[in-house]
C-alpha atoms as a PDB file:
ATOM      1  CA  MET A   1    -139.146-101.927  16.969  1.00  0.00           C
ATOM      2  CA  THR A   2    -136.092-102.054  16.193  1.00  0.00           C
ATOM      3  CA  LYS A   3    -132.765-102.627  18.392  1.00  0.00           C
ATOM      4  CA  LYS A   4    -130.842 -99.687  19.547  1.00  0.00           C
ATOM      5  CA  THR A   5    -127.023-100.390  21.037  1.00  0.00           C
ATOM      6  CA  THR A   6    -124.588 -98.155  21.483  1.00  0.00           C
ATOM      7  CA  ASP A   7    -120.694 -98.976  22.310  1.00  0.00           C
ATOM      8  CA  SER A   8    -120.924 -97.993  25.771  1.00  0.00           C
ATOM      9  CA  THR A   9    -123.612-100.839  26.507  1.00  0.00           C
ATOM     10  CA  LYS A  10    -122.485-103.423  24.663  1.00  0.00           C
ATOM     11  CA  TRP A  11    -118.803-102.851  26.352  1.00  0.00           C
ATOM     12  CA  ALA A  12    -120.538-101.858  29.858  1.00  0.00           C
ATOM     13  CA  GLY A  13    -121.263-105.451  31.485  1.00  0.00           C
ATOM     14  CA  PRO A  14    -117.845-107.162  31.359  1.00  0.00           C
ATOM     15  CA  ALA A  15    -116.001-103.884  32.004  1.00  0.00           C
ATOM     16  CA  ALA A  16    -118.189-103.650  35.164  1.00  0.00           C
ATOM     17  CA  LEU A  17    -117.075-107.676  35.901  1.00  0.00           C
ATOM     18  CA  ALA A  18    -113.729-106.966  35.536  1.00  0.00           C
ATOM     19  CA  GLY A  19    -113.024-103.674  37.016  1.00  0.00           C
ATOM     20  CA  ALA A  20    -115.270-105.990  40.128  1.00  0.00           C
ATOM     21  CA  ALA A  21    -112.566-107.984  39.840  1.00  0.00           C
ATOM     22  CA  ILE A  22    -109.491-106.437  39.224  1.00  0.00           C
ATOM     23  CA  GLY A  23    -110.919-104.165  42.837  1.00  0.00           C
ATOM     24  CA  SER A  24    -111.004-107.048  44.711  1.00  0.00           C
ATOM     25  CA  ALA A  25    -107.994-109.249  43.665  1.00  0.00           C
ATOM     26  CA  ALA A  26    -106.491-106.093  44.586  1.00  0.00           C
ATOM     27  CA  LEU A  27    -108.201-105.793  47.832  1.00  0.00           C
ATOM     28  CA  ALA A  28    -106.888-109.223  48.594  1.00  0.00           C
ATOM     29  CA  ALA A  29    -103.212-108.399  48.174  1.00  0.00           C
ATOM     30  CA  ALA A  30    -103.737-105.502  50.062  1.00  0.00           C
ATOM     31  CA  LEU A  31    -104.937-107.375  53.303  1.00  0.00           C
ATOM     32  CA  LEU A  32    -101.863-110.375  52.501  1.00  0.00           C
ATOM     33  CA  PHE A  33     -99.587-107.757  52.248  1.00  0.00           C
ATOM     34  CA  ALA A  34    -100.762-105.422  55.451  1.00  0.00           C
ATOM     35  CA  SER A  35    -101.227-109.644  57.945  1.00  0.00           C
ATOM     36  CA  ARG A  36     -98.105-109.925  56.851  1.00  0.00           C
ATOM     37  CA  ARG A  37     -96.665-107.225  57.684  1.00  0.00           C
ATOM     38  CA  LYS A  38     -98.401-107.349  61.631  1.00  0.00           C
ATOM     39  CA  GLU A  39     -96.989-110.384  62.208  1.00  0.00           C
ATOM     40  CA  ARG A  40     -93.155-109.493  61.415  1.00  0.00           C
ATOM     41  CA  ALA A  41     -93.467-106.806  63.503  1.00  0.00           C
ATOM     42  CA  ASP A  42     -95.056-108.766  66.461  1.00  0.00           C
ATOM     43  CA  ALA A  43     -91.888-110.668  66.102  1.00  0.00           C
ATOM     44  CA  ALA A  44     -89.884-108.180  65.910  1.00  0.00           C
ATOM     45  CA  ALA A  45     -90.638-106.005  68.362  1.00  0.00           C
ATOM     46  CA  LYS A  46     -90.193-109.716  70.985  1.00  0.00           C
ATOM     47  CA  PRO A  47     -87.434-109.344  72.674  1.00  0.00           C
ATOM     48  CA  ARG A  48     -85.389-111.881  72.724  1.00  0.00           C
ATOM     49  CA  PRO A  49     -82.813-112.967  75.119  1.00  0.00           C
ATOM     50  CA  SER A  50     -79.208-112.078  75.152  1.00  0.00           C
ATOM     51  CA  ALA A  51     -77.960-115.458  76.550  1.00  0.00           C
ATOM     52  CA  PRO A  52     -79.287-118.819  77.261  1.00  0.00           C
ATOM     53  CA  PRO A  53     -80.166-119.080  80.467  1.00  0.00           C
ATOM     54  CA  PRO A  54     -77.675-120.410  83.264  1.00  0.00           C
ATOM     55  CA  GLU A  55     -78.066-124.111  83.784  1.00  0.00           C
ATOM     56  CA  THR A  56     -78.563-125.309  87.448  1.00  0.00           C
ATOM     57  CA  ASP A  57     -78.782-127.978  89.782  1.00  0.00           C
END
């Protein structure tokens, strides 16, 4: 029996691992971006007092 290897099968494993790593990193970055954007939008939507409250005794 002779092992038959082709160039495509030689790189299939490492290429799949690299693709999975890049994909998961991109997904993580997208989730971080979306959560940061949501936090900023929520902070901007909160009403801010226009003047300090009046002092009373």
